[in-house]
Protein backbone atom coordinates (compact mmCIF):
# COMPACT_ATOMS: atom_id res chain seq x y z
CA MET A 1 1.00 -91.07 44.25
CA ALA A 2 -1.54 -92.62 46.59
CA ALA A 3 -3.87 -95.31 45.23
CA PRO A 4 -7.38 -94.23 44.17
CA ARG A 5 -9.79 -94.61 47.05
CA VAL A 6 -13.18 -93.64 48.46
CA THR A 7 -13.55 -92.43 52.04
CA MET A 8 -16.57 -92.01 54.30
CA GLU A 9 -17.03 -89.88 57.41
CA VAL A 10 -20.22 -89.74 59.46
CA GLY A 11 -20.88 -86.48 61.28
CA ASN A 12 -22.81 -85.86 64.48
CA ASP A 13 -25.74 -84.72 62.32
CA GLY A 14 -26.07 -88.21 60.85
CA VAL A 15 -24.82 -87.25 57.38
CA ALA A 16 -22.24 -89.54 55.77
CA ILE A 17 -19.78 -87.70 53.54
CA ILE A 18 -18.54 -90.06 50.80
CA THR A 19 -15.49 -88.60 49.02
CA LEU A 20 -13.86 -89.62 45.72
CA ILE A 21 -10.06 -89.38 45.89
CA ASN A 22 -8.18 -89.94 42.64
CA PRO A 23 -6.14 -86.84 41.67
CA PRO A 24 -6.08 -84.78 39.57
CA VAL A 25 -9.74 -85.04 38.42
CA ASN A 26 -11.07 -87.93 40.54
CA ALA A 27 -11.50 -90.18 37.51
CA LEU A 28 -13.81 -93.13 38.10
CA ALA A 29 -11.14 -95.83 38.00
CA ILE A 30 -12.22 -99.41 38.75
CA PRO A 31 -11.03 -99.17 42.40
CA ILE A 32 -13.13 -95.99 42.78
CA VAL A 33 -16.23 -97.75 41.40
CA ALA A 34 -15.66 -100.67 43.78
CA GLY A 35 -15.06 -98.25 46.67
CA LEU A 36 -18.29 -96.40 45.94
CA LYS A 37 -20.27 -99.64 46.05
CA ASP A 38 -18.74 -100.56 49.42
CA LYS A 39 -19.32 -97.14 50.98
CA PHE A 40 -22.91 -96.80 49.79
CA GLU A 41 -23.74 -100.28 51.06
CA GLU A 42 -22.14 -99.44 54.42
CA ALA A 43 -23.90 -96.06 54.70
CA THR A 44 -27.25 -97.62 53.82
CA SER A 45 -26.88 -100.33 56.49
CA ARG A 46 -25.71 -98.07 59.33
CA ASP A 47 -28.36 -96.91 61.80
CA ASP A 48 -26.45 -93.71 62.60
CA VAL A 49 -26.61 -92.50 58.98
CA LYS A 50 -29.70 -90.46 58.09
CA ALA A 51 -28.53 -89.08 54.75
CA ILE A 52 -25.53 -89.09 52.41
CA VAL A 53 -23.50 -86.45 50.58
CA LEU A 54 -21.32 -87.52 47.65
CA THR A 55 -18.40 -85.23 46.80
CA GLY A 56 -14.93 -85.15 45.27
CA ASN A 57 -11.51 -84.32 46.65
CA GLY A 58 -9.34 -81.34 45.72
CA GLY A 59 -11.98 -78.95 44.44
CA ARG A 60 -13.22 -81.30 41.71
CA PHE A 61 -16.16 -83.68 41.73
CA SER A 62 -15.18 -86.09 38.93
CA GLY A 63 -13.87 -85.84 35.38
CA GLY A 64 -15.65 -89.07 34.47
CA PHE A 65 -14.82 -92.70 33.87
CA ASP A 66 -11.14 -93.67 33.68
CA ILE A 67 -10.35 -93.75 29.96
CA ASN A 68 -7.36 -96.02 30.59
CA VAL A 69 -9.92 -98.81 30.96
CA PHE A 70 -10.96 -98.20 27.34
CA GLN A 71 -7.38 -98.87 26.26
CA LYS A 72 -7.32 -102.11 28.24
CA VAL A 73 -10.60 -103.22 26.68
CA HIS A 74 -9.34 -102.40 23.19
CA GLY A 75 -5.99 -104.08 23.81
CA ALA A 76 -7.50 -107.28 25.17
CA GLY A 77 -10.56 -107.26 22.93
CA ASP A 78 -12.56 -108.11 26.06
CA VAL A 79 -15.55 -105.91 26.86
CA SER A 80 -16.07 -107.72 30.17
CA LEU A 81 -13.23 -105.59 31.57
CA MET A 82 -15.74 -102.70 31.54
CA PRO A 83 -17.55 -102.69 34.92
CA ASP A 84 -21.36 -102.66 35.07
CA VAL A 85 -21.89 -99.34 36.79
CA SER A 86 -25.21 -98.06 35.47
CA VAL A 87 -27.62 -100.47 37.16
CA GLU A 88 -25.53 -101.95 39.97
CA LEU A 89 -24.25 -98.64 41.36
CA VAL A 90 -26.25 -95.71 39.99
CA VAL A 91 -29.73 -97.26 39.94
CA ASN A 92 -29.64 -99.81 42.76
CA LEU A 93 -27.32 -98.19 45.31
CA ILE A 94 -27.73 -94.46 44.63
CA GLU A 95 -31.06 -93.65 43.00
CA ASP A 96 -33.07 -96.39 44.79
CA CYS A 97 -31.28 -95.87 48.11
CA LYS A 98 -33.62 -95.70 51.11
CA LYS A 99 -31.63 -92.72 52.40
CA PRO A 100 -31.40 -89.43 50.47
CA ILE A 101 -28.18 -88.70 48.60
CA VAL A 102 -27.06 -85.22 47.58
CA ALA A 103 -24.17 -84.57 45.19
CA ALA A 104 -21.90 -81.69 46.26
CA VAL A 105 -20.38 -80.70 42.93
CA GLU A 106 -17.40 -78.42 42.39
CA GLY A 107 -14.88 -77.73 39.62
CA LEU A 108 -16.17 -80.24 37.12
CA ALA A 109 -18.64 -83.07 36.76
CA LEU A 110 -18.12 -84.59 33.34
CA GLY A 111 -19.14 -87.88 31.79
CA GLY A 112 -19.59 -90.53 34.43
CA GLY A 113 -19.07 -87.88 37.08
CA LEU A 114 -22.18 -85.98 36.00
CA GLU A 115 -24.05 -89.26 35.58
CA LEU A 116 -23.29 -90.17 39.19
CA ALA A 117 -24.54 -86.76 40.30
CA MET A 118 -27.74 -87.11 38.24
CA GLY A 119 -28.43 -90.41 40.00
CA CYS A 120 -28.49 -88.56 43.33
CA HIS A 121 -31.68 -87.03 44.73
CA ALA A 122 -30.36 -83.45 44.53
CA ARG A 123 -27.31 -81.60 43.22
CA ILE A 124 -25.69 -78.59 44.89
CA ALA A 125 -22.87 -76.91 42.94
CA ALA A 126 -20.17 -74.33 43.43
CA PRO A 127 -20.01 -71.40 40.95
CA LYS A 128 -18.57 -71.97 37.47
CA THR A 129 -18.62 -75.74 37.81
CA GLN A 130 -18.32 -77.43 34.40
CA LEU A 131 -21.09 -79.94 33.61
CA GLY A 132 -21.24 -82.14 30.53
CA LEU A 133 -21.43 -85.55 28.86
CA PRO A 134 -18.59 -85.65 26.29
CA GLU A 135 -18.61 -89.44 25.73
CA LEU A 136 -19.44 -89.20 22.02
CA THR A 137 -15.96 -87.73 21.41
CA LEU A 138 -14.66 -91.19 22.41
CA GLY A 139 -16.93 -93.08 20.02
CA VAL A 140 -19.36 -94.25 22.70
CA ILE A 141 -22.46 -92.91 24.47
CA PRO A 142 -22.98 -92.06 28.14
CA GLY A 143 -22.95 -95.40 29.95
CA PHE A 144 -24.05 -94.65 33.52
CA GLY A 145 -27.62 -93.61 32.67
CA GLY A 146 -26.87 -90.19 31.23
CA THR A 147 -28.91 -90.73 28.06
CA GLN A 148 -31.99 -91.15 30.26
CA ARG A 149 -31.51 -88.72 33.14
CA LEU A 150 -30.18 -85.67 31.32
CA PRO A 151 -33.29 -85.29 29.07
CA ARG A 152 -35.50 -85.67 32.16
CA LEU A 153 -33.61 -82.93 34.01
CA VAL A 154 -32.89 -80.29 31.34
CA GLY A 155 -35.38 -81.14 28.60
CA LEU A 156 -34.96 -83.24 25.48
CA SER A 157 -33.61 -80.62 23.06
CA LYS A 158 -30.96 -79.28 25.43
CA ALA A 159 -29.89 -82.78 26.45
CA ILE A 160 -29.46 -83.83 22.81
CA GLU A 161 -27.40 -80.70 22.14
CA MET A 162 -25.15 -81.36 25.15
CA MET A 163 -24.58 -85.01 24.25
CA LEU A 164 -24.28 -84.89 20.46
CA LEU A 165 -22.05 -81.79 20.49
CA SER A 166 -20.23 -82.80 23.71
CA LYS A 167 -21.11 -79.30 24.89
CA SER A 168 -20.60 -78.53 28.57
CA ILE A 169 -22.48 -75.89 30.57
CA THR A 170 -21.74 -74.05 33.81
CA SER A 171 -23.49 -74.70 37.08
CA GLU A 172 -25.27 -71.36 36.73
CA GLU A 173 -26.86 -72.46 33.45
CA GLY A 174 -27.48 -75.87 34.98
CA TRP A 175 -29.46 -74.22 37.78
CA LYS A 176 -31.63 -72.34 35.28
CA LEU A 177 -32.29 -75.57 33.39
CA GLY A 178 -33.07 -77.62 36.51
CA LEU A 179 -29.98 -79.82 36.42
CA ILE A 180 -28.62 -78.12 39.57
CA ASP A 181 -30.82 -77.47 42.62
CA ALA A 182 -28.70 -74.66 44.08
CA VAL A 183 -25.45 -72.79 43.40
CA VAL A 184 -23.53 -71.81 46.54
CA THR A 185 -19.98 -70.73 47.35
CA SER A 186 -17.25 -73.34 47.65
CA GLU A 187 -16.99 -72.57 51.36
CA GLU A 188 -20.68 -73.31 51.89
CA LEU A 189 -20.93 -76.29 49.52
CA LEU A 190 -20.68 -79.13 52.04
CA LYS A 191 -22.71 -77.30 54.69
CA VAL A 192 -25.62 -76.60 52.33
CA SER A 193 -25.45 -80.11 50.87
CA ARG A 194 -25.65 -81.68 54.34
CA LEU A 195 -28.65 -79.56 55.29
CA TRP A 196 -30.33 -80.27 51.96
CA ALA A 197 -29.88 -84.02 52.47
CA LEU A 198 -31.36 -83.81 55.97
CA ASP A 199 -34.27 -81.75 54.65
CA ILE A 200 -35.02 -84.47 52.10
CA ALA A 201 -34.85 -87.11 54.84
CA ALA A 202 -37.32 -85.07 56.92
CA ARG A 203 -39.56 -84.54 53.84
CA ARG A 204 -39.02 -80.78 53.98
CA LYS A 205 -37.61 -80.95 50.44
CA PRO A 206 -38.75 -83.25 47.62
CA TRP A 207 -37.19 -86.69 47.21
CA ILE A 208 -36.69 -86.85 43.43
CA ARG A 209 -35.56 -89.83 41.40
CA SER A 210 -34.65 -88.28 38.07
CA LEU A 211 -35.09 -91.53 36.12
CA HIS A 212 -38.81 -91.47 37.00
CA ARG A 213 -39.44 -87.91 35.79
CA THR A 214 -41.29 -87.27 32.52
CA ASP A 215 -42.45 -83.67 32.89
CA LYS A 216 -39.70 -82.22 30.64
CA LEU A 217 -39.93 -84.80 27.85
CA GLY A 218 -43.10 -83.45 26.23
CA SER A 219 -45.61 -85.67 24.45
CA LEU A 220 -44.46 -88.74 22.55
CA SER A 221 -45.20 -87.08 19.21
CA GLU A 222 -43.27 -83.94 20.19
CA ALA A 223 -40.31 -86.01 21.39
CA ARG A 224 -40.23 -88.02 18.19
CA GLU A 225 -40.22 -84.83 16.12
CA VAL A 226 -37.26 -83.48 18.11
CA LEU A 227 -35.44 -86.81 17.66
CA LYS A 228 -36.23 -86.85 13.93
CA LEU A 229 -34.65 -83.43 13.43
CA ALA A 230 -31.65 -84.44 15.53
CA ARG A 231 -31.14 -87.56 13.40
CA LEU A 232 -31.15 -85.52 10.21
CA GLN A 233 -28.64 -83.05 11.66
CA ALA A 234 -26.39 -85.84 12.94
CA LYS A 235 -26.54 -87.59 9.58
CA LYS A 236 -25.37 -84.37 7.96
CA THR A 237 -22.64 -83.39 10.43
CA ALA A 238 -21.41 -86.84 11.58
CA PRO A 239 -22.33 -89.29 8.81
CA ASN A 240 -19.66 -91.82 9.74
CA MET A 241 -20.02 -91.65 13.51
CA PRO A 242 -22.33 -94.48 14.65
CA GLN A 243 -22.44 -93.24 18.24
CA HIS A 244 -24.60 -90.24 17.29
CA GLN A 245 -27.50 -92.25 15.88
CA ALA A 246 -27.05 -94.88 18.60
CA CYS A 247 -27.37 -92.19 21.28
CA LEU A 248 -30.64 -90.99 19.76
CA ASP A 249 -31.93 -94.57 19.54
CA VAL A 250 -31.23 -95.11 23.23
CA ILE A 251 -32.87 -91.83 24.22
CA GLU A 252 -35.97 -92.81 22.23
CA GLU A 253 -36.07 -96.22 23.91
CA GLY A 254 -36.35 -94.54 27.29
CA ILE A 255 -39.03 -92.11 26.13
CA VAL A 256 -41.18 -94.86 24.60
CA HIS A 257 -40.64 -97.68 27.11
CA GLY A 258 -39.56 -95.87 30.28
CA GLY A 259 -36.28 -94.81 31.87
CA TYR A 260 -35.27 -98.19 33.26
CA SER A 261 -35.72 -99.85 29.87
CA GLY A 262 -33.61 -97.03 28.40
CA VAL A 263 -30.84 -97.64 30.97
CA LEU A 264 -30.71 -101.34 30.04
CA LYS A 265 -30.47 -100.54 26.32
CA GLU A 266 -27.87 -97.87 27.02
CA ALA A 267 -25.63 -100.41 28.77
CA LYS A 268 -25.98 -102.87 25.89
CA VAL A 269 -25.30 -100.30 23.16
CA PHE A 270 -22.37 -98.81 25.09
CA LYS A 271 -20.60 -102.18 25.11
CA GLU A 272 -21.26 -102.65 21.40
CA LEU A 273 -19.89 -99.21 20.54
CA VAL A 274 -16.76 -99.47 22.69
CA MET A 275 -15.58 -102.42 20.59
CA LEU A 276 -15.92 -100.62 17.24
CA ASP A 277 -13.01 -99.12 15.31
CA THR A 278 -14.55 -95.67 15.80
CA SER A 279 -14.01 -95.85 19.55
CA ARG A 280 -10.55 -97.36 19.15
CA GLY A 281 -9.54 -94.51 16.88
CA LEU A 282 -11.02 -91.71 18.97
CA VAL A 283 -9.57 -93.08 22.21
CA HIS A 284 -6.18 -93.21 20.49
CA VAL A 285 -6.63 -89.56 19.45
CA PHE A 286 -7.57 -88.66 23.05
CA PHE A 287 -4.33 -90.05 24.45
CA ALA A 288 -2.21 -88.87 21.51
CA GLN A 289 -3.47 -85.32 21.96
CA ARG A 290 -2.54 -85.34 25.64
CA ALA A 291 0.87 -86.81 24.87
CA THR A 292 1.70 -83.72 22.81
CA SER A 293 2.17 -81.73 26.02
CA LYS A 294 5.15 -83.91 27.00
CA VAL A 295 8.29 -83.26 24.96
CA PRO A 296 11.54 -84.90 26.12
CA ASN A 297 14.31 -82.43 27.01
CA VAL A 298 11.80 -79.57 26.87
CA THR A 299 8.99 -80.10 29.35
CA ASP A 300 10.93 -82.35 31.74
CA ILE A 301 14.01 -80.25 32.52
CA GLY A 302 12.55 -77.74 34.96
CA LEU A 303 12.08 -74.79 32.61
CA LYS A 304 9.28 -72.31 33.22
CA PRO A 305 7.52 -70.59 30.30
CA ARG A 306 8.17 -66.91 29.84
CA GLY A 307 5.20 -64.61 29.45
CA VAL A 308 4.28 -63.58 25.91
CA ARG A 309 2.25 -60.38 26.11
CA LYS A 310 2.88 -58.80 22.70
CA VAL A 311 3.17 -60.57 19.35
CA ALA A 312 3.99 -59.15 15.93
CA VAL A 313 2.50 -60.76 12.83
CA ILE A 314 4.10 -60.04 9.47
CA GLY A 315 1.64 -60.36 6.61
CA GLY A 316 -2.08 -59.70 6.81
CA GLY A 317 -3.27 -62.22 4.25
CA LEU A 318 -5.55 -65.19 4.93
CA MET A 319 -3.11 -66.86 7.34
CA GLY A 320 -1.65 -63.76 8.94
CA SER A 321 -5.06 -62.26 9.69
CA GLY A 322 -6.24 -65.55 11.16
CA ILE A 323 -3.13 -65.82 13.35
CA ALA A 324 -3.60 -62.25 14.57
CA THR A 325 -7.28 -62.98 15.31
CA ALA A 326 -6.40 -66.03 17.40
CA HIS A 327 -4.08 -63.97 19.58
CA ILE A 328 -6.24 -60.90 20.17
CA LEU A 329 -9.19 -63.14 21.07
CA ASN A 330 -7.07 -64.42 23.93
CA ASN A 331 -5.83 -61.06 25.24
CA ILE A 332 -2.44 -61.03 23.52
CA TYR A 333 -1.57 -57.66 22.00
CA VAL A 334 -0.83 -57.91 18.26
CA VAL A 335 1.14 -55.64 15.94
CA LEU A 336 0.22 -56.42 12.33
CA LYS A 337 2.81 -55.36 9.75
CA GLU A 338 2.20 -55.03 6.01
CA VAL A 339 4.16 -53.60 3.10
CA ASN A 340 1.68 -50.83 2.23
CA SER A 341 -1.47 -49.13 3.49
CA GLU A 342 -3.76 -50.95 1.08
CA TYR A 343 -2.68 -54.41 2.22
CA LEU A 344 -2.66 -53.33 5.86
CA LEU A 345 -6.23 -52.04 5.69
CA LYS A 346 -7.34 -55.22 3.97
CA GLY A 347 -5.70 -57.32 6.70
CA ILE A 348 -7.32 -55.31 9.50
CA LYS A 349 -10.73 -55.56 7.83
CA THR A 350 -10.30 -59.33 7.56
CA ILE A 351 -9.51 -59.55 11.27
CA GLU A 352 -12.55 -57.40 12.08
CA ALA A 353 -14.68 -59.68 9.90
CA ASN A 354 -13.31 -62.76 11.70
CA VAL A 355 -14.28 -61.30 15.06
CA ARG A 356 -17.69 -60.11 13.88
CA GLY A 357 -18.36 -63.57 12.48
CA LEU A 358 -17.85 -65.08 15.93
CA VAL A 359 -20.30 -62.56 17.39
CA THR A 360 -22.88 -63.35 14.70
CA ARG A 361 -22.60 -67.09 15.44
CA GLY A 362 -23.04 -66.48 19.16
CA LYS A 363 -19.53 -67.64 20.05
CA LEU A 364 -18.40 -64.23 21.30
CA THR A 365 -20.13 -61.34 23.05
CA GLN A 366 -19.98 -57.87 21.54
CA ASP A 367 -18.07 -56.53 24.56
CA LYS A 368 -15.40 -59.21 24.20
CA ALA A 369 -15.21 -58.54 20.48
CA ASN A 370 -14.66 -54.82 21.10
CA ASN A 371 -11.96 -55.56 23.69
CA ALA A 372 -10.24 -57.98 21.31
CA LEU A 373 -10.07 -55.43 18.49
CA LYS A 374 -8.50 -52.92 20.89
CA MET A 375 -5.56 -55.36 21.18
CA LEU A 376 -4.69 -54.85 17.49
CA LYS A 377 -2.43 -52.23 15.91
CA GLY A 378 -1.42 -51.98 12.26
CA VAL A 379 2.05 -50.77 11.19
CA LEU A 380 4.14 -50.37 8.03
CA ASP A 381 7.61 -50.59 9.61
CA TYR A 382 9.49 -52.20 12.50
CA SER A 383 9.23 -49.30 14.96
CA GLU A 384 6.75 -51.18 17.18
CA PHE A 385 8.89 -54.33 17.26
CA LYS A 386 11.32 -53.13 19.93
CA ASP A 387 9.34 -54.72 22.78
CA VAL A 388 7.59 -57.69 21.16
CA ASP A 389 7.98 -61.11 22.77
CA MET A 390 7.38 -63.06 19.58
CA VAL A 391 7.15 -62.45 15.83
CA ILE A 392 5.24 -64.75 13.50
CA GLU A 393 6.13 -64.30 9.85
CA ALA A 394 3.23 -65.23 7.55
CA VAL A 395 4.24 -64.04 4.09
CA ILE A 396 4.28 -66.01 0.81
CA GLU A 397 6.47 -69.12 0.50
CA SER A 398 9.52 -67.33 -0.91
CA VAL A 399 12.92 -68.26 0.51
CA PRO A 400 14.67 -64.94 -0.40
CA LEU A 401 11.81 -62.91 1.11
CA LYS A 402 11.76 -64.92 4.33
CA GLN A 403 15.55 -64.70 4.69
CA LYS A 404 15.41 -60.94 4.22
CA ILE A 405 12.65 -60.58 6.82
CA PHE A 406 14.49 -62.67 9.42
CA SER A 407 17.68 -60.68 8.95
CA GLU A 408 15.67 -57.51 9.60
CA LEU A 409 13.89 -59.04 12.60
CA GLU A 410 17.17 -59.92 14.27
CA LYS A 411 18.02 -56.20 14.31
CA ALA A 412 14.56 -54.84 15.14
CA CYS A 413 13.47 -57.18 17.94
CA PRO A 414 14.75 -57.56 21.54
CA PRO A 415 17.22 -60.40 22.27
CA HIS A 416 14.59 -62.57 24.01
CA CYS A 417 12.09 -62.34 21.14
CA ILE A 418 10.97 -65.63 19.56
CA LEU A 419 11.39 -65.55 15.78
CA ALA A 420 8.71 -67.81 14.30
CA THR A 421 7.69 -68.57 10.73
CA ASN A 422 4.34 -69.89 9.52
CA THR A 423 5.94 -71.65 6.56
CA SER A 424 4.22 -74.91 5.71
CA THR A 425 7.07 -76.52 3.85
CA ILE A 426 10.42 -74.69 3.77
CA ASP A 427 13.37 -76.00 5.81
CA LEU A 428 13.82 -73.68 8.81
CA ASN A 429 17.60 -73.87 8.57
CA ILE A 430 17.29 -72.20 5.18
CA VAL A 431 14.87 -69.58 6.52
CA GLY A 432 17.31 -68.55 9.26
CA GLU A 433 20.47 -69.12 7.27
CA LYS A 434 21.44 -65.43 7.21
CA THR A 435 20.94 -64.78 10.93
CA SER A 436 23.06 -65.42 13.99
CA SER A 437 20.00 -66.14 16.17
CA GLN A 438 19.12 -69.64 15.05
CA ASP A 439 18.44 -70.74 18.62
CA ARG A 440 15.40 -68.41 18.54
CA ILE A 441 14.06 -69.52 15.15
CA ILE A 442 11.10 -71.87 15.23
CA GLY A 443 8.17 -72.88 13.05
CA ALA A 444 4.65 -71.88 14.08
CA HIS A 445 2.59 -73.52 11.36
CA PHE A 446 -1.12 -72.72 11.71
CA PHE A 447 -3.90 -74.18 9.61
CA SER A 448 -6.55 -72.21 7.78
CA PRO A 449 -8.64 -70.57 9.09
CA ALA A 450 -6.03 -70.01 11.77
CA HIS A 451 -8.41 -68.60 14.38
CA VAL A 452 -10.64 -71.69 14.10
CA MET A 453 -8.51 -74.76 13.34
CA PRO A 454 -7.09 -76.28 16.55
CA LEU A 455 -3.76 -77.69 15.33
CA LEU A 456 -0.51 -75.75 15.75
CA GLU A 457 2.52 -77.49 14.27
CA ILE A 458 5.64 -76.35 16.16
CA VAL A 459 8.74 -77.04 14.12
CA ARG A 460 12.10 -77.13 15.84
CA THR A 461 15.57 -77.36 14.39
CA GLU A 462 18.60 -78.88 16.07
CA ARG A 463 19.53 -75.37 17.21
CA THR A 464 16.16 -74.19 18.54
CA SER A 465 16.41 -73.71 22.30
CA ALA A 466 14.20 -75.70 24.67
CA GLN A 467 13.03 -72.42 26.22
CA VAL A 468 11.72 -71.14 22.89
CA ILE A 469 9.90 -74.43 22.23
CA LEU A 470 8.30 -74.36 25.68
CA ASP A 471 7.28 -70.72 25.29
CA LEU A 472 5.58 -71.37 21.95
CA MET A 473 3.83 -74.47 23.34
CA THR A 474 2.48 -72.31 26.16
CA VAL A 475 1.27 -69.60 23.79
CA GLY A 476 -0.40 -72.31 21.71
CA LYS A 477 -2.40 -73.47 24.71
CA ILE A 478 -3.31 -69.89 25.66
CA ILE A 479 -4.79 -69.30 22.19
CA LYS A 480 -6.66 -72.63 22.48
CA LYS A 481 -4.61 -74.64 20.00
CA VAL A 482 -3.20 -78.15 20.24
CA PRO A 483 0.57 -77.59 19.93
CA VAL A 484 2.40 -80.55 18.36
CA VAL A 485 6.21 -80.38 18.31
CA VAL A 486 7.77 -81.91 15.19
CA GLY A 487 11.17 -82.07 13.55
CA ASN A 488 12.50 -79.94 10.71
CA CYS A 489 12.33 -81.32 7.17
CA THR A 490 10.55 -80.51 3.92
CA GLY A 491 6.84 -80.47 4.65
CA PHE A 492 7.39 -81.16 8.37
CA ALA A 493 4.76 -83.64 9.66
CA VAL A 494 1.37 -82.54 8.36
CA ASN A 495 2.20 -81.59 4.78
CA ARG A 496 4.59 -84.50 4.49
CA ALA A 497 1.69 -86.83 5.35
CA PHE A 498 -0.63 -84.80 3.14
CA PHE A 499 1.75 -84.97 0.14
CA PRO A 500 0.70 -88.41 -1.25
CA TYR A 501 -2.97 -87.56 -0.62
CA SER A 502 -2.89 -84.39 -2.72
CA GLN A 503 -0.66 -86.04 -5.33
CA SER A 504 -3.16 -88.87 -5.74
CA ALA A 505 -6.04 -86.42 -6.12
CA ARG A 506 -4.24 -84.51 -8.88
CA LEU A 507 -3.26 -87.75 -10.59
CA LEU A 508 -6.93 -88.79 -10.70
CA VAL A 509 -7.82 -85.45 -12.30
CA SER A 510 -5.15 -85.99 -14.95
CA LEU A 511 -6.77 -89.34 -15.71
CA GLY A 512 -10.10 -87.61 -16.31
CA VAL A 513 -11.91 -87.98 -13.00
CA ASP A 514 -14.24 -85.09 -12.13
CA VAL A 515 -12.90 -82.97 -9.26
CA PHE A 516 -16.37 -82.81 -7.73
CA ARG A 517 -16.55 -86.61 -7.69
CA ILE A 518 -13.20 -86.79 -5.91
CA ASP A 519 -14.26 -84.27 -3.27
CA SER A 520 -17.59 -86.06 -2.81
CA ALA A 521 -15.87 -89.41 -2.29
CA ILE A 522 -13.57 -87.94 0.35
CA ARG A 523 -16.47 -86.30 2.19
CA SER A 524 -18.36 -89.59 2.12
CA PHE A 525 -15.31 -91.23 3.64
CA GLY A 526 -15.57 -88.82 6.56
CA LEU A 527 -13.32 -85.84 5.99
CA PRO A 528 -15.07 -82.45 6.29
CA ILE A 529 -13.97 -81.22 2.85
CA GLY A 530 -12.33 -82.72 -0.20
CA PRO A 531 -8.78 -82.04 -1.46
CA PHE A 532 -9.85 -79.52 -4.12
CA GLN A 533 -12.15 -77.56 -1.85
CA LEU A 534 -9.26 -77.42 0.60
CA LEU A 535 -6.96 -76.28 -2.21
CA ASP A 536 -9.41 -73.51 -2.99
CA LEU A 537 -9.59 -72.45 0.67
CA ALA A 538 -5.80 -72.28 1.09
CA GLY A 539 -5.22 -70.51 -2.25
CA TYR A 540 -3.40 -71.72 -5.34
CA GLY A 541 -0.39 -69.49 -4.82
CA VAL A 542 0.34 -71.40 -1.61
CA ALA A 543 -0.22 -74.72 -3.41
CA ALA A 544 2.16 -73.75 -6.21
CA ALA A 545 4.90 -72.67 -3.79
CA THR A 546 4.48 -75.83 -1.69
CA SER A 547 4.62 -78.02 -4.81
CA LYS A 548 7.92 -76.45 -5.84
CA GLU A 549 9.47 -77.35 -2.49
CA PHE A 550 8.32 -80.95 -2.78
CA ASP A 551 9.43 -81.12 -6.39
CA LYS A 552 12.95 -80.11 -5.29
CA ALA A 553 13.01 -82.47 -2.32
CA PHE A 554 11.41 -85.50 -4.00
CA PRO A 555 11.89 -85.14 -7.79
CA ASP A 556 11.48 -88.87 -8.36
CA ARG A 557 8.21 -89.06 -6.39
CA SER A 558 6.52 -85.82 -7.38
CA PHE A 559 3.71 -85.87 -9.95
CA GLN A 560 3.89 -82.79 -12.17
CA SER A 561 0.24 -81.75 -12.41
CA PRO A 562 -0.52 -78.66 -14.54
CA LEU A 563 -3.83 -78.05 -12.72
CA VAL A 564 -2.67 -75.39 -10.24
CA ASP A 565 -0.68 -73.51 -12.87
CA LEU A 566 -3.76 -73.43 -15.14
CA LEU A 567 -5.85 -72.02 -12.32
CA LEU A 568 -3.30 -69.30 -11.58
CA LYS A 569 -2.90 -68.41 -15.26
CA SER A 570 -6.67 -68.00 -15.52
CA GLY A 571 -6.50 -65.37 -12.75
CA ARG A 572 -7.87 -67.57 -10.00
CA ASN A 573 -6.21 -67.91 -6.62
CA GLY A 574 -8.87 -69.70 -4.63
CA ASN A 575 -11.13 -68.69 -1.78
CA LYS A 576 -13.35 -66.85 -4.27
CA GLY A 577 -16.22 -69.31 -4.58
CA PHE A 578 -15.24 -70.02 -8.19
CA SER A 579 -16.45 -72.99 -10.20
CA PHE A 580 -13.98 -75.68 -11.10
CA LEU A 581 -15.93 -76.53 -14.25
CA PHE A 582 -14.34 -73.79 -16.34
CA VAL A 583 -10.75 -74.71 -15.54
CA PHE A 584 -11.52 -78.42 -15.60
CA SER A 585 -12.88 -78.05 -19.14
CA LEU A 586 -9.66 -76.27 -20.14
CA PHE A 587 -7.59 -78.99 -18.52
CA CYS A 588 -9.41 -81.77 -20.40
CA GLN A 589 -9.12 -80.13 -23.84
């Protein structure tokens, strides 16, 4: 692969085209930053250059700053490895340039890429270009002036939403907000950008330095009220994430003392945040998540994923309905099988409620919801299984029942069909023990609610074929999950790691600690819910079945807590909004 570089070509019209070249997303690696400085200095000094257009190579503007530099900074413990881009490049060479600069944006402009574009005097974009500042997901804040320019271009409330939620927008929405000056076809992008730059040079179009704008910030009192509400929301939703409050502090600095003062504080705070454990942890997660797409002897042997167009889900309970929802939302036809009409109707109604909930929260249009529900069919037998590409079994954690189902599936499904189980704990070799198709058997362990939670634990045995693993990984990405391939053992990866956590929580209860206090402590630590609220969400039947598997596998390490059995005996199976106080009082008698 060629080294990252920046090129410049000057046309007969006097426009210098400066191009970022660092496939696949033109990340702003240190050589790119250095190259940009050189090219802008050269373009500014040349008499034959009237105006400048900044663009990216390969249909993408820039995916942002090179995150590998974060790893180097964390490894060396030396923040000086982070280049000073905000003032030296964006302010001095781009925004304060004596020649107009237009950003020709296509594909994506994220993080530092969007910040570079906002430093230019105009932005022309191709349709459906993705625009955003997702730096807070890495434990830092925008560091190239984004905390100051975005509020001045789109308004304070929208800018805070985009930064604190790491929420991207399209170029079309950007145009409506004022972030983008024009949306044109990809074929016309450079042509229009060149003409726009020349029009600015000739004063036919306004020469705008976004850092100097204040018209969209509102009055100081209005801005402070917006920031106050944002702080309260961030404190509630991200109590242990220092970057959220820091971002709001930096925004306020710019509103009170001016954009340049805000840029200087932004650079200082960015370097403080990048050295914190929060950033170290989130950067590790970033790279770990991307590493999940590379599985030795699966993704590196030249296999191509087979298309999965129709999936059967067995069991319409909490997990099965969520799994079905995830697939129909992404245009995969689903056959939902239940044992009787009552359970089937309940499962279908749950799926409908899942989809309606997304519409109510504005995450799905009504048309898309209607189309998704058309992808669902309920059945009571295997007659519709003759052409399915994958089956996901999501019944209770009962070994005899699962073995019976898989024996039936082997006869009912076509030879290429993937036979997956959503078991959270049971050894897959035992699940498929009574079949002759163990190369097709694989674990597809979703997490509740399955249509929302991003993790998909893919469990392989020694006999599972590489093709089946690759196919399930591909489906996982299609339904917007993060597929993580793990080995086969009791509890697999997630529940095996979760085992001592839940054991400790139940041990504390047995010693007399209030369950609410335990949950509160865990939420204060930073997890979204506590162990007992999670237990309630998953259901106590699942917890009891999982506990039995761990008890068998680790009898010398398993704490025998009577709590779940007491809950079940009292007629409670979770997810009902019940109070723990009643059962807790029974437990302590």
